[in-house]
Full PDB file with SEQRES, HELIX, SHEET, SSBOND, CRYST1, ORIGX, SCALE, CONECT and MASTER records, all heavy atoms in Angstrom:
SEQRES   1 A   29  GLY SER LEU LEU VAL PHE HIS ARG GLU ILE ASP HIS PHE          
SEQRES   2 A   29  LEU LEU ASN ARG ASP TRP TRP ARG VAL GLU ARG ALA ALA          
SEQRES   3 A   29  PRO SER LEU                                                  
HELIX    1 AA1 LEU A    4  PHE A    6  5                                   3    
HELIX    2 AA2 HIS A    7  ILE A   10  1                                   4    
HELIX    3 AA3 ASP A   11  LEU A   15  3                                   5    
HELIX    4 AA4 ARG A   17  TRP A   20  1                                   4    
CRYST1    1.000    1.000    1.000  90.00  90.00  90.00 P 1           1          
ORIGX1      1.000000  0.000000  0.000000        0.00000                         
ORIGX2      0.000000  1.000000  0.000000        0.00000                         
ORIGX3      0.000000  0.000000  1.000000        0.00000                         
SCALE1      1.000000  0.000000  0.000000        0.00000                         
SCALE2      0.000000  1.000000  0.000000        0.00000                         
SCALE3      0.000000  0.000000  1.000000        0.00000                         
ATOM      1  N   GLY A   1      63.364  78.792   9.191  1.00  0.00           N  
ATOM      2  CA  GLY A   1      62.275  77.965   9.578  1.00  0.00           C  
ATOM      3  C   GLY A   1      61.142  77.769   8.580  1.00  0.00           C  
ATOM      4  O   GLY A   1      60.615  76.647   8.364  1.00  0.00           O  
ATOM      5  N   SER A   2      60.924  78.775   7.792  1.00  0.00           N  
ATOM      6  CA  SER A   2      59.903  78.718   6.819  1.00  0.00           C  
ATOM      7  C   SER A   2      60.414  77.730   5.648  1.00  0.00           C  
ATOM      8  O   SER A   2      59.536  76.957   5.139  1.00  0.00           O  
ATOM      9  CB  SER A   2      59.679  80.039   6.143  1.00  0.00           C  
ATOM     10  OG  SER A   2      59.116  80.994   7.153  1.00  0.00           O  
ATOM     11  N   LEU A   3      61.666  77.772   5.334  1.00  0.00           N  
ATOM     12  CA  LEU A   3      62.170  76.798   4.373  1.00  0.00           C  
ATOM     13  C   LEU A   3      62.161  75.342   4.913  1.00  0.00           C  
ATOM     14  O   LEU A   3      61.749  74.444   4.115  1.00  0.00           O  
ATOM     15  CB  LEU A   3      63.633  77.228   3.964  1.00  0.00           C  
ATOM     16  CG  LEU A   3      63.867  78.302   3.067  1.00  0.00           C  
ATOM     17  CD1 LEU A   3      65.350  78.627   2.943  1.00  0.00           C  
ATOM     18  CD2 LEU A   3      63.236  77.978   1.702  1.00  0.00           C  
ATOM     19  N   LEU A   4      62.420  75.133   6.152  1.00  0.00           N  
ATOM     20  CA  LEU A   4      62.590  73.799   6.703  1.00  0.00           C  
ATOM     21  C   LEU A   4      61.223  73.127   6.826  1.00  0.00           C  
ATOM     22  O   LEU A   4      61.092  71.910   6.933  1.00  0.00           O  
ATOM     23  CB  LEU A   4      63.200  73.886   8.099  1.00  0.00           C  
ATOM     24  CG  LEU A   4      64.790  74.157   7.992  1.00  0.00           C  
ATOM     25  CD1 LEU A   4      65.325  74.280   9.385  1.00  0.00           C  
ATOM     26  CD2 LEU A   4      65.466  73.128   7.197  1.00  0.00           C  
ATOM     27  N   VAL A   5      60.027  73.872   6.898  1.00  0.00           N  
ATOM     28  CA  VAL A   5      58.756  73.255   6.939  1.00  0.00           C  
ATOM     29  C   VAL A   5      58.637  72.359   5.727  1.00  0.00           C  
ATOM     30  O   VAL A   5      58.008  71.291   5.838  1.00  0.00           O  
ATOM     31  CB  VAL A   5      57.693  74.371   6.879  1.00  0.00           C  
ATOM     32  CG1 VAL A   5      56.304  73.762   6.771  1.00  0.00           C  
ATOM     33  CG2 VAL A   5      57.701  75.168   8.201  1.00  0.00           C  
ATOM     34  N   PHE A   6      59.244  72.699   4.651  1.00  0.00           N  
ATOM     35  CA  PHE A   6      59.147  71.889   3.396  1.00  0.00           C  
ATOM     36  C   PHE A   6      60.506  71.361   2.965  1.00  0.00           C  
ATOM     37  O   PHE A   6      60.791  71.306   1.766  1.00  0.00           O  
ATOM     38  CB  PHE A   6      58.453  72.715   2.315  1.00  0.00           C  
ATOM     39  CG  PHE A   6      57.106  73.136   2.620  1.00  0.00           C  
ATOM     40  CD1 PHE A   6      56.818  74.447   3.050  1.00  0.00           C  
ATOM     41  CD2 PHE A   6      56.015  72.299   2.542  1.00  0.00           C  
ATOM     42  CE1 PHE A   6      55.561  74.889   3.299  1.00  0.00           C  
ATOM     43  CE2 PHE A   6      54.714  72.701   2.880  1.00  0.00           C  
ATOM     44  CZ  PHE A   6      54.513  74.002   3.341  1.00  0.00           C  
ATOM     45  N   HIS A   7      61.380  71.132   3.961  1.00  0.00           N  
ATOM     46  CA  HIS A   7      62.736  70.739   3.591  1.00  0.00           C  
ATOM     47  C   HIS A   7      62.791  69.441   2.797  1.00  0.00           C  
ATOM     48  O   HIS A   7      63.672  69.329   1.812  1.00  0.00           O  
ATOM     49  CB  HIS A   7      63.671  70.716   4.780  1.00  0.00           C  
ATOM     50  CG  HIS A   7      63.418  69.475   5.664  1.00  0.00           C  
ATOM     51  ND1 HIS A   7      64.179  68.433   5.601  1.00  0.00           N  
ATOM     52  CD2 HIS A   7      62.482  69.284   6.640  1.00  0.00           C  
ATOM     53  CE1 HIS A   7      63.777  67.481   6.453  1.00  0.00           C  
ATOM     54  NE2 HIS A   7      62.773  68.005   7.071  1.00  0.00           N  
ATOM     55  N   ARG A   8      62.019  68.496   3.100  1.00  0.00           N  
ATOM     56  CA  ARG A   8      62.018  67.248   2.326  1.00  0.00           C  
ATOM     57  C   ARG A   8      61.508  67.488   0.930  1.00  0.00           C  
ATOM     58  O   ARG A   8      62.091  66.887  -0.071  1.00  0.00           O  
ATOM     59  CB  ARG A   8      61.313  66.222   3.063  1.00  0.00           C  
ATOM     60  CG  ARG A   8      62.037  65.679   4.362  1.00  0.00           C  
ATOM     61  CD  ARG A   8      61.502  64.413   4.873  1.00  0.00           C  
ATOM     62  NE  ARG A   8      60.054  64.456   5.207  1.00  0.00           N  
ATOM     63  CZ  ARG A   8      59.310  63.385   5.547  1.00  0.00           C  
ATOM     64  NH1 ARG A   8      59.883  62.278   5.606  1.00  0.00           N  
ATOM     65  NH2 ARG A   8      58.071  63.605   5.879  1.00  0.00           N  
ATOM     66  N   GLU A   9      60.499  68.207   0.745  1.00  0.00           N  
ATOM     67  CA  GLU A   9      59.951  68.550  -0.578  1.00  0.00           C  
ATOM     68  C   GLU A   9      60.929  69.251  -1.384  1.00  0.00           C  
ATOM     69  O   GLU A   9      61.207  68.890  -2.652  1.00  0.00           O  
ATOM     70  CB  GLU A   9      58.714  69.300  -0.507  1.00  0.00           C  
ATOM     71  CG  GLU A   9      57.391  68.596  -0.017  1.00  0.00           C  
ATOM     72  CD  GLU A   9      57.388  68.558   1.482  1.00  0.00           C  
ATOM     73  OE1 GLU A   9      58.312  68.958   2.183  1.00  0.00           O  
ATOM     74  OE2 GLU A   9      56.264  68.255   1.939  1.00  0.00           O  
ATOM     75  N   ILE A  10      61.690  70.159  -0.890  1.00  0.00           N  
ATOM     76  CA  ILE A  10      62.650  70.921  -1.568  1.00  0.00           C  
ATOM     77  C   ILE A  10      63.779  70.041  -1.995  1.00  0.00           C  
ATOM     78  O   ILE A  10      64.344  70.090  -3.051  1.00  0.00           O  
ATOM     79  CB  ILE A  10      63.186  72.128  -0.724  1.00  0.00           C  
ATOM     80  CG1 ILE A  10      62.069  73.220  -0.471  1.00  0.00           C  
ATOM     81  CG2 ILE A  10      64.365  72.804  -1.474  1.00  0.00           C  
ATOM     82  CD1 ILE A  10      62.417  74.266   0.409  1.00  0.00           C  
ATOM     83  N   ASP A  11      64.243  69.184  -1.041  1.00  0.00           N  
ATOM     84  CA  ASP A  11      65.361  68.275  -1.291  1.00  0.00           C  
ATOM     85  C   ASP A  11      65.008  67.249  -2.382  1.00  0.00           C  
ATOM     86  O   ASP A  11      65.831  66.965  -3.276  1.00  0.00           O  
ATOM     87  CB  ASP A  11      65.765  67.556  -0.015  1.00  0.00           C  
ATOM     88  CG  ASP A  11      66.984  66.698  -0.207  1.00  0.00           C  
ATOM     89  OD1 ASP A  11      67.946  67.145  -0.758  1.00  0.00           O  
ATOM     90  OD2 ASP A  11      66.927  65.585   0.242  1.00  0.00           O  
ATOM     91  N   HIS A  12      63.756  66.633  -2.242  1.00  0.00           N  
ATOM     92  CA  HIS A  12      63.476  65.480  -3.113  1.00  0.00           C  
ATOM     93  C   HIS A  12      62.957  66.007  -4.540  1.00  0.00           C  
ATOM     94  O   HIS A  12      63.209  65.308  -5.491  1.00  0.00           O  
ATOM     95  CB  HIS A  12      62.241  64.692  -2.454  1.00  0.00           C  
ATOM     96  CG  HIS A  12      62.775  63.810  -1.367  1.00  0.00           C  
ATOM     97  ND1 HIS A  12      63.379  64.164  -0.312  1.00  0.00           N  
ATOM     98  CD2 HIS A  12      62.683  62.421  -1.401  1.00  0.00           C  
ATOM     99  CE1 HIS A  12      63.747  63.159   0.418  1.00  0.00           C  
ATOM    100  NE2 HIS A  12      63.353  62.049  -0.161  1.00  0.00           N  
ATOM    101  N   PHE A  13      62.276  67.130  -4.589  1.00  0.00           N  
ATOM    102  CA  PHE A  13      61.665  67.467  -5.817  1.00  0.00           C  
ATOM    103  C   PHE A  13      62.343  68.616  -6.554  1.00  0.00           C  
ATOM    104  O   PHE A  13      62.078  68.858  -7.749  1.00  0.00           O  
ATOM    105  CB  PHE A  13      60.154  67.926  -5.635  1.00  0.00           C  
ATOM    106  CG  PHE A  13      59.370  66.819  -4.991  1.00  0.00           C  
ATOM    107  CD1 PHE A  13      58.597  67.059  -3.938  1.00  0.00           C  
ATOM    108  CD2 PHE A  13      59.344  65.499  -5.621  1.00  0.00           C  
ATOM    109  CE1 PHE A  13      57.852  65.988  -3.332  1.00  0.00           C  
ATOM    110  CE2 PHE A  13      58.611  64.554  -5.086  1.00  0.00           C  
ATOM    111  CZ  PHE A  13      57.799  64.807  -3.906  1.00  0.00           C  
ATOM    112  N   LEU A  14      63.306  69.358  -5.913  1.00  0.00           N  
ATOM    113  CA  LEU A  14      64.043  70.475  -6.528  1.00  0.00           C  
ATOM    114  C   LEU A  14      65.528  70.126  -6.626  1.00  0.00           C  
ATOM    115  O   LEU A  14      66.063  70.159  -7.679  1.00  0.00           O  
ATOM    116  CB  LEU A  14      63.678  71.766  -5.780  1.00  0.00           C  
ATOM    117  CG  LEU A  14      62.304  72.280  -5.848  1.00  0.00           C  
ATOM    118  CD1 LEU A  14      62.127  73.507  -4.962  1.00  0.00           C  
ATOM    119  CD2 LEU A  14      61.797  72.564  -7.312  1.00  0.00           C  
ATOM    120  N   LEU A  15      66.161  69.978  -5.511  1.00  0.00           N  
ATOM    121  CA  LEU A  15      67.624  69.929  -5.469  1.00  0.00           C  
ATOM    122  C   LEU A  15      68.113  68.650  -5.944  1.00  0.00           C  
ATOM    123  O   LEU A  15      69.147  68.565  -6.652  1.00  0.00           O  
ATOM    124  CB  LEU A  15      68.060  70.282  -4.071  1.00  0.00           C  
ATOM    125  CG  LEU A  15      67.701  71.609  -3.483  1.00  0.00           C  
ATOM    126  CD1 LEU A  15      68.184  71.763  -2.009  1.00  0.00           C  
ATOM    127  CD2 LEU A  15      68.175  72.752  -4.328  1.00  0.00           C  
ATOM    128  N   ASN A  16      67.545  67.526  -5.571  1.00  0.00           N  
ATOM    129  CA  ASN A  16      68.009  66.204  -5.877  1.00  0.00           C  
ATOM    130  C   ASN A  16      67.042  65.270  -6.470  1.00  0.00           C  
ATOM    131  O   ASN A  16      67.011  64.088  -6.186  1.00  0.00           O  
ATOM    132  CB  ASN A  16      68.629  65.623  -4.552  1.00  0.00           C  
ATOM    133  CG  ASN A  16      69.762  66.325  -3.947  1.00  0.00           C  
ATOM    134  OD1 ASN A  16      70.729  66.647  -4.591  1.00  0.00           O  
ATOM    135  ND2 ASN A  16      69.551  66.715  -2.682  1.00  0.00           N  
ATOM    136  N   ARG A  17      66.261  65.838  -7.340  1.00  0.00           N  
ATOM    137  CA  ARG A  17      65.143  65.071  -7.944  1.00  0.00           C  
ATOM    138  C   ARG A  17      65.740  63.889  -8.745  1.00  0.00           C  
ATOM    139  O   ARG A  17      65.094  62.767  -8.811  1.00  0.00           O  
ATOM    140  CB  ARG A  17      64.400  66.013  -8.923  1.00  0.00           C  
ATOM    141  CG  ARG A  17      63.216  65.339  -9.672  1.00  0.00           C  
ATOM    142  CD  ARG A  17      62.573  66.386 -10.631  1.00  0.00           C  
ATOM    143  NE  ARG A  17      61.579  65.717 -11.421  1.00  0.00           N  
ATOM    144  CZ  ARG A  17      60.271  65.532 -11.096  1.00  0.00           C  
ATOM    145  NH1 ARG A  17      59.853  66.019  -9.826  1.00  0.00           N  
ATOM    146  NH2 ARG A  17      59.408  64.976 -11.798  1.00  0.00           N  
ATOM    147  N   ASP A  18      66.915  63.989  -9.341  1.00  0.00           N  
ATOM    148  CA  ASP A  18      67.407  62.939 -10.159  1.00  0.00           C  
ATOM    149  C   ASP A  18      67.878  61.767  -9.295  1.00  0.00           C  
ATOM    150  O   ASP A  18      67.933  60.635  -9.715  1.00  0.00           O  
ATOM    151  CB  ASP A  18      68.666  63.427 -10.984  1.00  0.00           C  
ATOM    152  CG  ASP A  18      69.664  64.048 -10.078  1.00  0.00           C  
ATOM    153  OD1 ASP A  18      69.318  64.731  -9.064  1.00  0.00           O  
ATOM    154  OD2 ASP A  18      70.957  64.006 -10.356  1.00  0.00           O  
ATOM    155  N   TRP A  19      68.185  61.983  -7.976  1.00  0.00           N  
ATOM    156  CA  TRP A  19      68.449  60.863  -7.026  1.00  0.00           C  
ATOM    157  C   TRP A  19      67.213  60.201  -6.470  1.00  0.00           C  
ATOM    158  O   TRP A  19      67.147  58.947  -6.422  1.00  0.00           O  
ATOM    159  CB  TRP A  19      69.292  61.482  -5.972  1.00  0.00           C  
ATOM    160  CG  TRP A  19      70.697  61.770  -6.209  1.00  0.00           C  
ATOM    161  CD1 TRP A  19      71.253  61.705  -7.412  1.00  0.00           C  
ATOM    162  CD2 TRP A  19      71.610  62.382  -5.321  1.00  0.00           C  
ATOM    163  NE1 TRP A  19      72.554  62.067  -7.324  1.00  0.00           N  
ATOM    164  CE2 TRP A  19      72.818  62.499  -6.100  1.00  0.00           C  
ATOM    165  CE3 TRP A  19      71.629  62.778  -4.042  1.00  0.00           C  
ATOM    166  CZ2 TRP A  19      74.012  63.050  -5.535  1.00  0.00           C  
ATOM    167  CZ3 TRP A  19      72.791  63.286  -3.458  1.00  0.00           C  
ATOM    168  CH2 TRP A  19      73.885  63.486  -4.227  1.00  0.00           C  
ATOM    169  N   TRP A  20      66.272  61.017  -6.091  1.00  0.00           N  
ATOM    170  CA  TRP A  20      65.181  60.523  -5.310  1.00  0.00           C  
ATOM    171  C   TRP A  20      63.992  59.971  -6.162  1.00  0.00           C  
ATOM    172  O   TRP A  20      63.243  59.091  -5.673  1.00  0.00           O  
ATOM    173  CB  TRP A  20      64.585  61.628  -4.391  1.00  0.00           C  
ATOM    174  CG  TRP A  20      65.580  62.036  -3.341  1.00  0.00           C  
ATOM    175  CD1 TRP A  20      66.183  63.276  -3.228  1.00  0.00           C  
ATOM    176  CD2 TRP A  20      66.027  61.242  -2.221  1.00  0.00           C  
ATOM    177  NE1 TRP A  20      67.087  63.263  -2.168  1.00  0.00           N  
ATOM    178  CE2 TRP A  20      66.899  62.089  -1.472  1.00  0.00           C  
ATOM    179  CE3 TRP A  20      65.783  59.919  -1.786  1.00  0.00           C  
ATOM    180  CZ2 TRP A  20      67.549  61.667  -0.322  1.00  0.00           C  
ATOM    181  CZ3 TRP A  20      66.486  59.574  -0.591  1.00  0.00           C  
ATOM    182  CH2 TRP A  20      67.369  60.361   0.065  1.00  0.00           C  
ATOM    183  N   ARG A  21      63.844  60.445  -7.361  1.00  0.00           N  
ATOM    184  CA  ARG A  21      62.695  59.982  -8.139  1.00  0.00           C  
ATOM    185  C   ARG A  21      62.891  58.565  -8.663  1.00  0.00           C  
ATOM    186  O   ARG A  21      63.971  58.286  -9.244  1.00  0.00           O  
ATOM    187  CB  ARG A  21      62.435  60.946  -9.234  1.00  0.00           C  
ATOM    188  CG  ARG A  21      61.204  60.641 -10.160  1.00  0.00           C  
ATOM    189  CD  ARG A  21      60.883  61.678 -11.211  1.00  0.00           C  
ATOM    190  NE  ARG A  21      59.893  61.252 -12.090  1.00  0.00           N  
ATOM    191  CZ  ARG A  21      58.605  61.356 -11.826  1.00  0.00           C  
ATOM    192  NH1 ARG A  21      58.189  61.855 -10.683  1.00  0.00           N  
ATOM    193  NH2 ARG A  21      57.640  61.025 -12.728  1.00  0.00           N  
ATOM    194  N   VAL A  22      61.945  57.748  -8.386  1.00  0.00           N  
ATOM    195  CA  VAL A  22      61.971  56.323  -8.935  1.00  0.00           C  
ATOM    196  C   VAL A  22      61.038  56.168 -10.071  1.00  0.00           C  
ATOM    197  O   VAL A  22      59.873  56.373  -9.877  1.00  0.00           O  
ATOM    198  CB  VAL A  22      61.609  55.334  -7.740  1.00  0.00           C  
ATOM    199  CG1 VAL A  22      61.649  53.975  -8.288  1.00  0.00           C  
ATOM    200  CG2 VAL A  22      62.588  55.513  -6.599  1.00  0.00           C  
ATOM    201  N   GLU A  23      61.580  55.843 -11.250  1.00  0.00           N  
ATOM    202  CA  GLU A  23      60.757  55.697 -12.444  1.00  0.00           C  
ATOM    203  C   GLU A  23      60.054  54.390 -12.511  1.00  0.00           C  
ATOM    204  O   GLU A  23      58.850  54.254 -12.819  1.00  0.00           O  
ATOM    205  CB  GLU A  23      61.595  55.948 -13.679  1.00  0.00           C  
ATOM    206  CG  GLU A  23      62.269  57.317 -13.767  1.00  0.00           C  
ATOM    207  CD  GLU A  23      61.353  58.441 -14.069  1.00  0.00           C  
ATOM    208  OE1 GLU A  23      60.160  58.100 -14.387  1.00  0.00           O  
ATOM    209  OE2 GLU A  23      61.696  59.604 -13.920  1.00  0.00           O  
ATOM    210  N   ARG A  24      60.823  53.260 -12.251  1.00  0.00           N  
ATOM    211  CA  ARG A  24      60.307  51.995 -12.492  1.00  0.00           C  
ATOM    212  C   ARG A  24      59.515  51.461 -11.298  1.00  0.00           C  
ATOM    213  O   ARG A  24      59.639  51.899 -10.187  1.00  0.00           O  
ATOM    214  CB  ARG A  24      61.401  50.992 -12.856  1.00  0.00           C  
ATOM    215  CG  ARG A  24      62.439  50.855 -11.749  1.00  0.00           C  
ATOM    216  CD  ARG A  24      63.589  49.997 -12.220  1.00  0.00           C  
ATOM    217  NE  ARG A  24      64.659  49.972 -11.205  1.00  0.00           N  
ATOM    218  CZ  ARG A  24      65.782  49.334 -11.318  1.00  0.00           C  
ATOM    219  NH1 ARG A  24      66.002  48.685 -12.406  1.00  0.00           N  
ATOM    220  NH2 ARG A  24      66.657  49.313 -10.360  1.00  0.00           N  
ATOM    221  N   ALA A  25      58.619  50.468 -11.564  1.00  0.00           N  
ATOM    222  CA  ALA A  25      57.837  49.942 -10.480  1.00  0.00           C  
ATOM    223  C   ALA A  25      58.314  48.456 -10.235  1.00  0.00           C  
ATOM    224  O   ALA A  25      57.522  47.620 -10.057  1.00  0.00           O  
ATOM    225  CB  ALA A  25      56.391  49.841 -10.886  1.00  0.00           C  
ATOM    226  N   ALA A  26      59.577  48.276 -10.015  1.00  0.00           N  
ATOM    227  CA  ALA A  26      60.100  46.999  -9.668  1.00  0.00           C  
ATOM    228  C   ALA A  26      59.934  46.669  -8.204  1.00  0.00           C  
ATOM    229  O   ALA A  26      59.690  47.494  -7.361  1.00  0.00           O  
ATOM    230  CB  ALA A  26      61.640  46.974  -9.977  1.00  0.00           C  
ATOM    231  N   PRO A  27      59.797  45.334  -7.886  1.00  0.00           N  
ATOM    232  CA  PRO A  27      59.609  44.943  -6.510  1.00  0.00           C  
ATOM    233  C   PRO A  27      60.701  45.497  -5.618  1.00  0.00           C  
ATOM    234  O   PRO A  27      61.873  45.444  -5.953  1.00  0.00           O  
ATOM    235  CB  PRO A  27      59.712  43.426  -6.563  1.00  0.00           C  
ATOM    236  CG  PRO A  27      59.352  43.009  -7.948  1.00  0.00           C  
ATOM    237  CD  PRO A  27      59.984  44.151  -8.777  1.00  0.00           C  
ATOM    238  N   SER A  28      60.320  45.986  -4.408  1.00  0.00           N  
ATOM    239  CA  SER A  28      61.296  46.621  -3.538  1.00  0.00           C  
ATOM    240  C   SER A  28      61.774  45.686  -2.506  1.00  0.00           C  
ATOM    241  O   SER A  28      61.048  44.759  -2.037  1.00  0.00           O  
ATOM    242  CB  SER A  28      60.613  47.828  -2.843  1.00  0.00           C  
ATOM    243  OG  SER A  28      60.253  48.796  -3.714  1.00  0.00           O  
ATOM    244  N   LEU A  29      63.015  45.855  -2.139  1.00  0.00           N  
ATOM    245  CA  LEU A  29      63.668  45.109  -0.999  1.00  0.00           C  
ATOM    246  C   LEU A  29      63.048  45.676   0.309  1.00  0.00           C  
ATOM    247  O   LEU A  29      62.549  46.817   0.337  1.00  0.00           O  
ATOM    248  CB  LEU A  29      65.084  45.242  -0.974  1.00  0.00           C  
ATOM    249  CG  LEU A  29      65.896  44.758  -2.261  1.00  0.00           C  
ATOM    250  CD1 LEU A  29      67.353  45.061  -2.104  1.00  0.00           C  
ATOM    251  CD2 LEU A  29      65.727  43.233  -2.399  1.00  0.00           C  
TER     252      LEU A  29                                                      
MASTER        0    0    0    4    0    0    0    6  251    1    0    3          
END                                                                             
């Protein structure tokens, strides 16, 4: 439960940062 409080942060910034991080500021669909 303690881990899951920050599950999205762990997933986005630690485990799968290369997938979720968007570098460019192109117009979004």
